[in-house]
PDB file of all heavy atoms in Angstrom:
ATOM      1  N   ILE A   1      -4.747  -9.264 -31.669  1.00  0.00           N
ATOM      2  CA  ILE A   1      -4.480  -9.625 -30.184  1.00  0.00           C
ATOM      3  C   ILE A   1      -5.486 -10.602 -29.704  1.00  0.00           C
ATOM      4  O   ILE A   1      -6.693 -10.431 -29.841  1.00  0.00           O
ATOM      5  CB  ILE A   1      -4.648  -8.215 -29.317  1.00  0.00           C
ATOM      6  CG1 ILE A   1      -3.667  -7.269 -29.844  1.00  0.00           C
ATOM      7  CG2 ILE A   1      -4.295  -8.510 -27.874  1.00  0.00           C
ATOM      8  CD1 ILE A   1      -2.136  -7.536 -29.867  1.00  0.00           C
ATOM      9  N   THR A   2      -4.888 -11.713 -29.234  1.00  0.00           N
ATOM     10  CA  THR A   2      -5.880 -12.836 -28.849  1.00  0.00           C
ATOM     11  C   THR A   2      -6.082 -12.940 -27.303  1.00  0.00           C
ATOM     12  O   THR A   2      -6.888 -13.790 -26.815  1.00  0.00           O
ATOM     13  CB  THR A   2      -5.312 -14.133 -29.318  1.00  0.00           C
ATOM     14  OG1 THR A   2      -3.990 -14.404 -28.830  1.00  0.00           O
ATOM     15  CG2 THR A   2      -5.244 -14.191 -30.899  1.00  0.00           C
ATOM     16  N   GLU A   3      -5.303 -12.191 -26.638  1.00  0.00           N
ATOM     17  CA  GLU A   3      -5.474 -12.058 -25.072  1.00  0.00           C
ATOM     18  C   GLU A   3      -5.326 -10.725 -24.550  1.00  0.00           C
ATOM     19  O   GLU A   3      -4.658  -9.822 -25.109  1.00  0.00           O
ATOM     20  CB  GLU A   3      -4.475 -13.115 -24.389  1.00  0.00           C
ATOM     21  CG  GLU A   3      -2.877 -12.738 -24.539  1.00  0.00           C
ATOM     22  CD  GLU A   3      -2.087 -13.704 -23.898  1.00  0.00           C
ATOM     23  OE1 GLU A   3      -2.682 -14.694 -23.410  1.00  0.00           O
ATOM     24  OE2 GLU A   3      -0.835 -13.310 -23.782  1.00  0.00           O
ATOM     25  N   ALA A   4      -5.926 -10.408 -23.421  1.00  0.00           N
ATOM     26  CA  ALA A   4      -5.761  -9.089 -22.763  1.00  0.00           C
ATOM     27  C   ALA A   4      -5.685  -9.220 -21.292  1.00  0.00           C
ATOM     28  O   ALA A   4      -5.986 -10.300 -20.662  1.00  0.00           O
ATOM     29  CB  ALA A   4      -6.897  -8.260 -23.238  1.00  0.00           C
ATOM     30  N   VAL A   5      -5.254  -8.107 -20.674  1.00  0.00           N
ATOM     31  CA  VAL A   5      -5.082  -8.171 -19.247  1.00  0.00           C
ATOM     32  C   VAL A   5      -6.482  -8.158 -18.659  1.00  0.00           C
ATOM     33  O   VAL A   5      -7.420  -7.317 -18.914  1.00  0.00           O
ATOM     34  CB  VAL A   5      -4.350  -6.888 -18.744  1.00  0.00           C
ATOM     35  CG1 VAL A   5      -4.327  -6.855 -17.201  1.00  0.00           C
ATOM     36  CG2 VAL A   5      -2.852  -7.037 -19.207  1.00  0.00           C
ATOM     37  N   SER A   6      -6.651  -9.070 -17.738  1.00  0.00           N
ATOM     38  CA  SER A   6      -8.046  -9.255 -17.116  1.00  0.00           C
ATOM     39  C   SER A   6      -7.902  -8.706 -15.701  1.00  0.00           C
ATOM     40  O   SER A   6      -8.876  -8.443 -15.037  1.00  0.00           O
ATOM     41  CB  SER A   6      -8.475 -10.666 -17.136  1.00  0.00           C
ATOM     42  OG  SER A   6      -7.591 -11.462 -16.459  1.00  0.00           O
ATOM     43  N   LYS A   7      -6.767  -8.652 -14.991  1.00  0.00           N
ATOM     44  CA  LYS A   7      -6.462  -8.323 -13.671  1.00  0.00           C
ATOM     45  C   LYS A   7      -5.113  -7.913 -13.302  1.00  0.00           C
ATOM     46  O   LYS A   7      -4.233  -8.360 -13.933  1.00  0.00           O
ATOM     47  CB  LYS A   7      -7.029  -9.477 -12.717  1.00  0.00           C
ATOM     48  CG  LYS A   7      -6.864  -9.153 -11.232  1.00  0.00           C
ATOM     49  CD  LYS A   7      -7.541 -10.403 -10.403  1.00  0.00           C
ATOM     50  CE  LYS A   7      -6.654 -11.602 -10.404  1.00  0.00           C
ATOM     51  NZ  LYS A   7      -7.136 -12.525  -9.413  1.00  0.00           N
ATOM     52  N   VAL A   8      -5.023  -6.842 -12.412  1.00  0.00           N
ATOM     53  CA  VAL A   8      -3.774  -6.400 -11.852  1.00  0.00           C
ATOM     54  C   VAL A   8      -3.838  -6.511 -10.347  1.00  0.00           C
ATOM     55  O   VAL A   8      -4.815  -5.953  -9.834  1.00  0.00           O
ATOM     56  CB  VAL A   8      -3.380  -4.984 -12.372  1.00  0.00           C
ATOM     57  CG1 VAL A   8      -1.997  -4.622 -11.776  1.00  0.00           C
ATOM     58  CG2 VAL A   8      -3.303  -4.835 -13.940  1.00  0.00           C
ATOM     59  N   THR A   9      -2.807  -7.078  -9.829  1.00  0.00           N
ATOM     60  CA  THR A   9      -2.809  -7.259  -8.309  1.00  0.00           C
ATOM     61  C   THR A   9      -1.622  -6.553  -7.761  1.00  0.00           C
ATOM     62  O   THR A   9      -0.512  -6.882  -8.179  1.00  0.00           O
ATOM     63  CB  THR A   9      -2.772  -8.750  -7.981  1.00  0.00           C
ATOM     64  OG1 THR A   9      -3.960  -9.375  -8.566  1.00  0.00           O
ATOM     65  CG2 THR A   9      -2.998  -8.941  -6.438  1.00  0.00           C
ATOM     66  N   TRP A  10      -1.812  -5.732  -6.750  1.00  0.00           N
ATOM     67  CA  TRP A  10      -0.710  -5.154  -5.990  1.00  0.00           C
ATOM     68  C   TRP A  10      -0.720  -5.719  -4.575  1.00  0.00           C
ATOM     69  O   TRP A  10      -1.746  -5.758  -3.907  1.00  0.00           O
ATOM     70  CB  TRP A  10      -0.932  -3.655  -5.922  1.00  0.00           C
ATOM     71  CG  TRP A  10      -0.860  -2.925  -7.188  1.00  0.00           C
ATOM     72  CD1 TRP A  10       0.347  -2.262  -7.666  1.00  0.00           C
ATOM     73  CD2 TRP A  10      -1.774  -2.629  -8.118  1.00  0.00           C
ATOM     74  NE1 TRP A  10       0.105  -1.626  -8.837  1.00  0.00           N
ATOM     75  CE2 TRP A  10      -1.186  -1.830  -9.151  1.00  0.00           C
ATOM     76  CE3 TRP A  10      -3.119  -2.937  -8.243  1.00  0.00           C
ATOM     77  CZ2 TRP A  10      -1.920  -1.423 -10.315  1.00  0.00           C
ATOM     78  CZ3 TRP A  10      -3.901  -2.525  -9.274  1.00  0.00           C
ATOM     79  CH2 TRP A  10      -3.247  -1.763 -10.381  1.00  0.00           C
ATOM     80  N   THR A  11       0.408  -6.271  -4.277  1.00  0.00           N
ATOM     81  CA  THR A  11       0.498  -6.870  -2.873  1.00  0.00           C
ATOM     82  C   THR A  11       1.686  -6.242  -2.104  1.00  0.00           C
ATOM     83  O   THR A  11       2.785  -6.170  -2.759  1.00  0.00           O
ATOM     84  CB  THR A  11       0.766  -8.365  -2.962  1.00  0.00           C
ATOM     85  OG1 THR A  11      -0.224  -9.046  -3.724  1.00  0.00           O
ATOM     86  CG2 THR A  11       0.762  -9.103  -1.503  1.00  0.00           C
ATOM     87  N   ALA A  12       1.417  -5.777  -0.866  1.00  0.00           N
ATOM     88  CA  ALA A  12       2.522  -5.167  -0.174  1.00  0.00           C
ATOM     89  C   ALA A  12       3.694  -6.152   0.080  1.00  0.00           C
ATOM     90  O   ALA A  12       3.524  -7.284   0.454  1.00  0.00           O
ATOM     91  CB  ALA A  12       2.024  -4.612   1.232  1.00  0.00           C
ATOM     92  N   ALA A  13       4.908  -5.789  -0.244  1.00  0.00           N
ATOM     93  CA  ALA A  13       6.026  -6.536  -0.117  1.00  0.00           C
ATOM     94  C   ALA A  13       6.379  -7.022   1.299  1.00  0.00           C
ATOM     95  O   ALA A  13       6.808  -8.085   1.501  1.00  0.00           O
ATOM     96  CB  ALA A  13       7.338  -5.750  -0.710  1.00  0.00           C
ATOM     97  N   THR A  14       6.184  -6.135   2.229  1.00  0.00           N
ATOM     98  CA  THR A  14       6.263  -6.534   3.676  1.00  0.00           C
ATOM     99  C   THR A  14       5.072  -5.990   4.475  1.00  0.00           C
ATOM    100  O   THR A  14       4.305  -5.325   3.934  1.00  0.00           O
ATOM    101  CB  THR A  14       7.476  -5.678   4.248  1.00  0.00           C
ATOM    102  OG1 THR A  14       7.419  -4.313   4.179  1.00  0.00           O
ATOM    103  CG2 THR A  14       8.837  -6.166   3.422  1.00  0.00           C
ATOM    104  N   LYS A  15       4.998  -6.349   5.714  1.00  0.00           N
ATOM    105  CA  LYS A  15       4.009  -5.901   6.601  1.00  0.00           C
ATOM    106  C   LYS A  15       3.930  -4.360   6.834  1.00  0.00           C
ATOM    107  O   LYS A  15       2.972  -3.867   7.226  1.00  0.00           O
ATOM    108  CB  LYS A  15       3.998  -6.685   7.895  1.00  0.00           C
ATOM    109  CG  LYS A  15       5.140  -6.481   8.831  1.00  0.00           C
ATOM    110  CD  LYS A  15       5.219  -7.154   9.945  1.00  0.00           C
ATOM    111  CE  LYS A  15       6.405  -6.980  10.817  1.00  0.00           C
ATOM    112  NZ  LYS A  15       6.263  -7.645  12.108  1.00  0.00           N
ATOM    113  N   ASP A  16       5.060  -3.771   6.697  1.00  0.00           N
ATOM    114  CA  ASP A  16       5.123  -2.405   6.864  1.00  0.00           C
ATOM    115  C   ASP A  16       5.088  -1.554   5.530  1.00  0.00           C
ATOM    116  O   ASP A  16       5.137  -0.296   5.702  1.00  0.00           O
ATOM    117  CB  ASP A  16       6.626  -2.047   7.509  1.00  0.00           C
ATOM    118  CG  ASP A  16       6.756  -2.770   8.968  1.00  0.00           C
ATOM    119  OD1 ASP A  16       5.640  -2.799   9.614  1.00  0.00           O
ATOM    120  OD2 ASP A  16       7.739  -3.219   9.163  1.00  0.00           O
ATOM    121  N   SER A  17       4.917  -2.195   4.511  1.00  0.00           N
ATOM    122  CA  SER A  17       4.875  -1.274   3.242  1.00  0.00           C
ATOM    123  C   SER A  17       3.458  -1.073   2.629  1.00  0.00           C
ATOM    124  O   SER A  17       3.331  -0.821   1.428  1.00  0.00           O
ATOM    125  CB  SER A  17       5.728  -1.994   2.105  1.00  0.00           C
ATOM    126  OG  SER A  17       5.180  -3.350   1.884  1.00  0.00           O
ATOM    127  N   GLY A  18       2.381  -1.510   3.400  1.00  0.00           N
ATOM    128  CA  GLY A  18       1.029  -1.288   2.973  1.00  0.00           C
ATOM    129  C   GLY A  18       0.569   0.141   3.088  1.00  0.00           C
ATOM    130  O   GLY A  18       1.384   1.042   3.319  1.00  0.00           O
ATOM    131  N   ILE A  19      -0.673   0.487   3.039  1.00  0.00           N
ATOM    132  CA  ILE A  19      -1.155   1.762   3.238  1.00  0.00           C
ATOM    133  C   ILE A  19      -1.633   1.828   4.724  1.00  0.00           C
ATOM    134  O   ILE A  19      -2.625   1.188   5.102  1.00  0.00           O
ATOM    135  CB  ILE A  19      -2.443   1.986   2.313  1.00  0.00           C
ATOM    136  CG1 ILE A  19      -2.110   1.684   0.950  1.00  0.00           C
ATOM    137  CG2 ILE A  19      -2.890   3.461   2.544  1.00  0.00           C
ATOM    138  CD1 ILE A  19      -3.149   1.897  -0.012  1.00  0.00           C
ATOM    139  N   PRO A  20      -1.078   2.641   5.535  1.00  0.00           N
ATOM    140  CA  PRO A  20      -1.342   2.754   6.945  1.00  0.00           C
ATOM    141  C   PRO A  20      -2.681   3.486   7.223  1.00  0.00           C
ATOM    142  O   PRO A  20      -3.176   4.212   6.209  1.00  0.00           O
ATOM    143  CB  PRO A  20      -0.268   3.500   7.506  1.00  0.00           C
ATOM    144  CG  PRO A  20       0.388   4.265   6.449  1.00  0.00           C
ATOM    145  CD  PRO A  20       0.185   3.567   5.287  1.00  0.00           C
ATOM    146  N   THR A  21      -3.171   3.517   8.377  1.00  0.00           N
ATOM    147  CA  THR A  21      -4.357   4.127   8.804  1.00  0.00           C
ATOM    148  C   THR A  21      -4.255   5.628   8.613  1.00  0.00           C
ATOM    149  O   THR A  21      -3.219   6.249   8.939  1.00  0.00           O
ATOM    150  CB  THR A  21      -4.646   3.878  10.249  1.00  0.00           C
ATOM    151  OG1 THR A  21      -4.791   2.418  10.408  1.00  0.00           O
ATOM    152  CG2 THR A  21      -5.918   4.591  10.769  1.00  0.00           C
ATOM    153  N   GLY A  22      -5.379   6.096   7.989  1.00  0.00           N
ATOM    154  CA  GLY A  22      -5.372   7.628   7.759  1.00  0.00           C
ATOM    155  C   GLY A  22      -4.580   8.173   6.572  1.00  0.00           C
ATOM    156  O   GLY A  22      -4.520   9.382   6.237  1.00  0.00           O
ATOM    157  N   TYR A  23      -4.139   7.225   5.544  1.00  0.00           N
ATOM    158  CA  TYR A  23      -3.452   7.561   4.341  1.00  0.00           C
ATOM    159  C   TYR A  23      -4.183   6.863   3.146  1.00  0.00           C
ATOM    160  O   TYR A  23      -4.978   5.948   3.273  1.00  0.00           O
ATOM    161  CB  TYR A  23      -2.013   7.214   4.474  1.00  0.00           C
ATOM    162  CG  TYR A  23      -1.146   7.934   5.517  1.00  0.00           C
ATOM    163  CD1 TYR A  23      -1.154   7.467   6.824  1.00  0.00           C
ATOM    164  CD2 TYR A  23      -0.433   8.950   5.044  1.00  0.00           C
ATOM    165  CE1 TYR A  23      -0.438   8.394   7.729  1.00  0.00           C
ATOM    166  CE2 TYR A  23       0.433   9.660   5.959  1.00  0.00           C
ATOM    167  CZ  TYR A  23       0.443   9.313   7.295  1.00  0.00           C
ATOM    168  OH  TYR A  23       1.052  10.035   8.122  1.00  0.00           O
ATOM    169  N   PHE A  24      -3.841   7.433   2.046  1.00  0.00           N
ATOM    170  CA  PHE A  24      -4.249   6.795   0.766  1.00  0.00           C
ATOM    171  C   PHE A  24      -2.972   6.556  -0.135  1.00  0.00           C
ATOM    172  O   PHE A  24      -1.983   7.233   0.069  1.00  0.00           O
ATOM    173  CB  PHE A  24      -5.246   7.633   0.073  1.00  0.00           C
ATOM    174  CG  PHE A  24      -4.866   8.870  -0.597  1.00  0.00           C
ATOM    175  CD1 PHE A  24      -4.452   8.888  -1.882  1.00  0.00           C
ATOM    176  CD2 PHE A  24      -4.825  10.106   0.227  1.00  0.00           C
ATOM    177  CE1 PHE A  24      -3.934  10.059  -2.554  1.00  0.00           C
ATOM    178  CE2 PHE A  24      -4.323  11.296  -0.409  1.00  0.00           C
ATOM    179  CZ  PHE A  24      -3.943  11.233  -1.813  1.00  0.00           C
ATOM    180  N   GLU A  25      -3.228   5.892  -1.166  1.00  0.00           N
ATOM    181  CA  GLU A  25      -2.153   5.741  -2.105  1.00  0.00           C
ATOM    182  C   GLU A  25      -2.747   5.558  -3.501  1.00  0.00           C
ATOM    183  O   GLU A  25      -3.879   5.028  -3.685  1.00  0.00           O
ATOM    184  CB  GLU A  25      -1.244   4.549  -1.926  1.00  0.00           C
ATOM    185  CG  GLU A  25      -0.031   4.416  -2.585  1.00  0.00           C
ATOM    186  CD  GLU A  25       1.092   3.637  -1.871  1.00  0.00           C
ATOM    187  OE1 GLU A  25       0.887   3.120  -0.710  1.00  0.00           O
ATOM    188  OE2 GLU A  25       2.180   3.638  -2.355  1.00  0.00           O
ATOM    189  N   LYS A  26      -1.985   5.994  -4.587  1.00  0.00           N
ATOM    190  CA  LYS A  26      -2.347   5.953  -5.961  1.00  0.00           C
ATOM    191  C   LYS A  26      -1.631   4.899  -6.624  1.00  0.00           C
ATOM    192  O   LYS A  26      -0.496   4.747  -6.504  1.00  0.00           O
ATOM    193  CB  LYS A  26      -2.242   7.368  -6.588  1.00  0.00           C
ATOM    194  CG  LYS A  26      -3.200   8.305  -6.133  1.00  0.00           C
ATOM    195  CD  LYS A  26      -2.999   9.634  -6.945  1.00  0.00           C
ATOM    196  CE  LYS A  26      -3.906  10.808  -6.457  1.00  0.00           C
ATOM    197  NZ  LYS A  26      -3.726  11.929  -7.211  1.00  0.00           N
ATOM    198  N   PHE A  27      -2.347   4.145  -7.386  1.00  0.00           N
ATOM    199  CA  PHE A  27      -1.752   2.963  -8.240  1.00  0.00           C
ATOM    200  C   PHE A  27      -1.882   3.217  -9.605  1.00  0.00           C
ATOM    201  O   PHE A  27      -2.968   3.075 -10.340  1.00  0.00           O
ATOM    202  CB  PHE A  27      -2.428   1.606  -7.853  1.00  0.00           C
ATOM    203  CG  PHE A  27      -2.282   1.280  -6.381  1.00  0.00           C
ATOM    204  CD1 PHE A  27      -3.106   1.766  -5.434  1.00  0.00           C
ATOM    205  CD2 PHE A  27      -1.343   0.281  -6.095  1.00  0.00           C
ATOM    206  CE1 PHE A  27      -2.878   1.406  -4.115  1.00  0.00           C
ATOM    207  CE2 PHE A  27      -1.142  -0.024  -4.776  1.00  0.00           C
ATOM    208  CZ  PHE A  27      -1.966   0.492  -3.770  1.00  0.00           C
TER     209      PHE A  27
END
């Protein structure tokens, strides 16, 4: 294996699909 994952990025698809105040999420 000559390459490996160096970063994973999660971006909310819409402005309403993120993590709201007072909540958490698992990735």
